[in-house]
């Protein structure tokens, strides 16, 4: 397994743990896998997600709670639709209230 494959596998495993109705940030995922400065690489891994809808990349937003402009399978509207169907509310057209919906992994 190459380093990139190992990194991507860690991203996917972590994103799978985000509960229904919660979101995480790219930076949060990066920190959880031990690469705190790799938020952009997390985004790239999710962009090439091999199992959309199985690996719930729609639950990952930017550090401000904004939806991804490059959402891999359907764009902003699809990401918002999926999150709203999980009960996630928005404070404006593209922003999730992180004070309510941010996932806090329990150790």
C-alpha atoms as a PDB file:
ATOM      1  CA  UNK A   1       0.000   0.000   0.000  1.00  0.00           C
ATOM      2  CA  UNK A   2       1.437   3.380  -0.950  1.00  0.00           C
ATOM      3  CA  UNK A   3       1.561   6.290   1.469  1.00  0.00           C
ATOM      4  CA  UNK A   4      -1.268   7.978  -0.464  1.00  0.00           C
ATOM      5  CA  UNK A   5      -3.423   4.854  -0.289  1.00  0.00           C
ATOM      6  CA  UNK A   6      -2.749   4.594   3.451  1.00  0.00           C
ATOM      7  CA  UNK A   7      -3.667   8.248   3.977  1.00  0.00           C
ATOM      8  CA  UNK A   8      -6.859   7.900   1.927  1.00  0.00           C
ATOM      9  CA  UNK A   9      -7.812   4.712   3.793  1.00  0.00           C
ATOM     10  CA  UNK A  10      -7.435   6.552   7.118  1.00  0.00           C
ATOM     11  CA  UNK A  11      -9.588   9.410   5.814  1.00  0.00           C
ATOM     12  CA  UNK A  12     -12.305   7.035   4.649  1.00  0.00           C
ATOM     13  CA  UNK A  13     -12.276   5.053   7.904  1.00  0.00           C
ATOM     14  CA  UNK A  14     -12.611   8.247   9.931  1.00  0.00           C
ATOM     15  CA  UNK A  15     -15.357   9.728   7.758  1.00  0.00           C
ATOM     16  CA  UNK A  16     -17.326   6.486   8.122  1.00  0.00           C
ATOM     17  CA  UNK A  17     -17.454   7.172  11.887  1.00  0.00           C
ATOM     18  CA  UNK A  18     -19.238  10.538  11.533  1.00  0.00           C
ATOM     19  CA  UNK A  19     -22.708   9.853  12.912  1.00  0.00           C
ATOM     20  CA  UNK A  20     -25.956  10.457  11.060  1.00  0.00           C
ATOM     21  CA  UNK A  21     -27.020  14.074  11.639  1.00  0.00           C
ATOM     22  CA  UNK A  22     -23.521  15.344  12.437  1.00  0.00           C
ATOM     23  CA  UNK A  23     -20.735  16.944  10.401  1.00  0.00           C
ATOM     24  CA  UNK A  24     -16.966  17.156  10.678  1.00  0.00           C
ATOM     25  CA  UNK A  25     -14.496  19.563   9.127  1.00  0.00           C
ATOM     26  CA  UNK A  26     -11.668  18.743   6.749  1.00  0.00           C
ATOM     27  CA  UNK A  27      -9.175  19.923   9.361  1.00  0.00           C
ATOM     28  CA  UNK A  28     -10.820  17.843  12.061  1.00  0.00           C
ATOM     29  CA  UNK A  29     -10.503  14.714   9.921  1.00  0.00           C
ATOM     30  CA  UNK A  30      -6.870  15.563   9.198  1.00  0.00           C
ATOM     31  CA  UNK A  31      -6.124  15.981  12.907  1.00  0.00           C
ATOM     32  CA  UNK A  32      -7.906  12.745  13.814  1.00  0.00           C
ATOM     33  CA  UNK A  33      -5.735  10.745  11.427  1.00  0.00           C
ATOM     34  CA  UNK A  34      -2.547  12.348  12.713  1.00  0.00           C
ATOM     35  CA  UNK A  35      -1.965  14.787   9.843  1.00  0.00           C
ATOM     36  CA  UNK A  36      -3.186  18.114  11.281  1.00  0.00           C
ATOM     37  CA  UNK A  37      -1.936  20.216   8.368  1.00  0.00           C
ATOM     38  CA  UNK A  38      -3.454  18.051   5.638  1.00  0.00           C
ATOM     39  CA  UNK A  39      -7.010  19.411   5.372  1.00  0.00           C
ATOM     40  CA  UNK A  40      -6.627  19.959   1.615  1.00  0.00           C
ATOM     41  CA  UNK A  41      -5.434  16.407   1.135  1.00  0.00           C
ATOM     42  CA  UNK A  42      -8.487  15.197   3.063  1.00  0.00           C
ATOM     43  CA  UNK A  43     -10.583  17.153   0.566  1.00  0.00           C
ATOM     44  CA  UNK A  44      -8.805  15.480  -2.324  1.00  0.00           C
ATOM     45  CA  UNK A  45      -9.326  12.023  -0.813  1.00  0.00           C
ATOM     46  CA  UNK A  46     -13.040  12.747  -0.506  1.00  0.00           C
ATOM     47  CA  UNK A  47     -13.164  14.115  -4.036  1.00  0.00           C
ATOM     48  CA  UNK A  48     -12.070  10.696  -5.308  1.00  0.00           C
ATOM     49  CA  UNK A  49     -14.201   8.781  -2.798  1.00  0.00           C
ATOM     50  CA  UNK A  50     -14.502   5.247  -4.220  1.00  0.00           C
ATOM     51  CA  UNK A  51     -17.782   4.573  -2.420  1.00  0.00           C
ATOM     52  CA  UNK A  52     -20.031   7.662  -2.450  1.00  0.00           C
ATOM     53  CA  UNK A  53     -23.008   7.273  -0.106  1.00  0.00           C
ATOM     54  CA  UNK A  54     -21.181   4.436   1.693  1.00  0.00           C
ATOM     55  CA  UNK A  55     -18.375   6.729   2.831  1.00  0.00           C
ATOM     56  CA  UNK A  56     -20.530   9.725   3.868  1.00  0.00           C
ATOM     57  CA  UNK A  57     -18.351  12.520   2.527  1.00  0.00           C
ATOM     58  CA  UNK A  58     -21.425  14.772   2.416  1.00  0.00           C
ATOM     59  CA  UNK A  59     -20.939  15.084   6.197  1.00  0.00           C
ATOM     60  CA  UNK A  60     -17.631  16.930   5.782  1.00  0.00           C
ATOM     61  CA  UNK A  61     -17.678  20.735   5.604  1.00  0.00           C
ATOM     62  CA  UNK A  62     -15.078  23.490   5.799  1.00  0.00           C
ATOM     63  CA  UNK A  63     -13.858  25.019   9.050  1.00  0.00           C
ATOM     64  CA  UNK A  64     -16.666  27.576   8.988  1.00  0.00           C
ATOM     65  CA  UNK A  65     -19.372  24.969   8.406  1.00  0.00           C
ATOM     66  CA  UNK A  66     -19.760  25.797   4.725  1.00  0.00           C
ATOM     67  CA  UNK A  67     -20.638  23.176   2.161  1.00  0.00           C
ATOM     68  CA  UNK A  68     -18.057  22.020  -0.337  1.00  0.00           C
ATOM     69  CA  UNK A  69     -18.081  23.895  -3.632  1.00  0.00           C
ATOM     70  CA  UNK A  70     -16.517  20.847  -5.265  1.00  0.00           C
ATOM     71  CA  UNK A  71     -18.839  18.263  -3.747  1.00  0.00           C
ATOM     72  CA  UNK A  72     -18.036  15.130  -5.694  1.00  0.00           C
ATOM     73  CA  UNK A  73     -21.466  13.729  -6.420  1.00  0.00           C
ATOM     74  CA  UNK A  74     -23.991  16.439  -7.158  1.00  0.00           C
ATOM     75  CA  UNK A  75     -22.742  19.787  -5.938  1.00  0.00           C
ATOM     76  CA  UNK A  76     -23.923  22.047  -3.145  1.00  0.00           C
ATOM     77  CA  UNK A  77     -27.585  21.257  -3.611  1.00  0.00           C
ATOM     78  CA  UNK A  78     -27.034  17.506  -3.246  1.00  0.00           C
ATOM     79  CA  UNK A  79     -24.858  17.941  -0.163  1.00  0.00           C
ATOM     80  CA  UNK A  80     -27.415  20.234   1.458  1.00  0.00           C
ATOM     81  CA  UNK A  81     -30.255  17.840   0.560  1.00  0.00           C
ATOM     82  CA  UNK A  82     -28.444  14.864   2.120  1.00  0.00           C
ATOM     83  CA  UNK A  83     -27.639  16.785   5.295  1.00  0.00           C
ATOM     84  CA  UNK A  84     -31.155  18.179   5.643  1.00  0.00           C
ATOM     85  CA  UNK A  85     -32.511  14.639   5.290  1.00  0.00           C
ATOM     86  CA  UNK A  86     -30.384  13.772   8.332  1.00  0.00           C
ATOM     87  CA  UNK A  87     -31.925  16.632  10.313  1.00  0.00           C
ATOM     88  CA  UNK A  88     -29.016  19.044   9.941  1.00  0.00           C
ATOM     89  CA  UNK A  89     -30.239  22.654   9.873  1.00  0.00           C
ATOM     90  CA  UNK A  90     -28.504  25.538   8.149  1.00  0.00           C
ATOM     91  CA  UNK A  91     -27.875  29.090   9.339  1.00  0.00           C
ATOM     92  CA  UNK A  92     -27.816  30.329   5.746  1.00  0.00           C
ATOM     93  CA  UNK A  93     -27.866  28.810   2.256  1.00  0.00           C
ATOM     94  CA  UNK A  94     -24.516  27.049   2.613  1.00  0.00           C
ATOM     95  CA  UNK A  95     -23.531  27.002   6.287  1.00  0.00           C
ATOM     96  CA  UNK A  96     -24.152  24.405   8.982  1.00  0.00           C
ATOM     97  CA  UNK A  97     -24.211  25.602  12.599  1.00  0.00           C
ATOM     98  CA  UNK A  98     -21.083  23.898  13.914  1.00  0.00           C
ATOM     99  CA  UNK A  99     -22.012  24.743  17.514  1.00  0.00           C
ATOM    100  CA  UNK A 100     -24.940  22.323  17.128  1.00  0.00           C
ATOM    101  CA  UNK A 101     -23.926  19.762  14.509  1.00  0.00           C
ATOM    102  CA  UNK A 102     -20.149  19.353  14.807  1.00  0.00           C
ATOM    103  CA  UNK A 103     -19.209  15.761  15.600  1.00  0.00           C
ATOM    104  CA  UNK A 104     -17.149  15.314  18.714  1.00  0.00           C
ATOM    105  CA  UNK A 105     -15.618  11.877  18.664  1.00  0.00           C
ATOM    106  CA  UNK A 106     -15.872  10.077  21.982  1.00  0.00           C
ATOM    107  CA  UNK A 107     -12.671   8.364  23.051  1.00  0.00           C
END
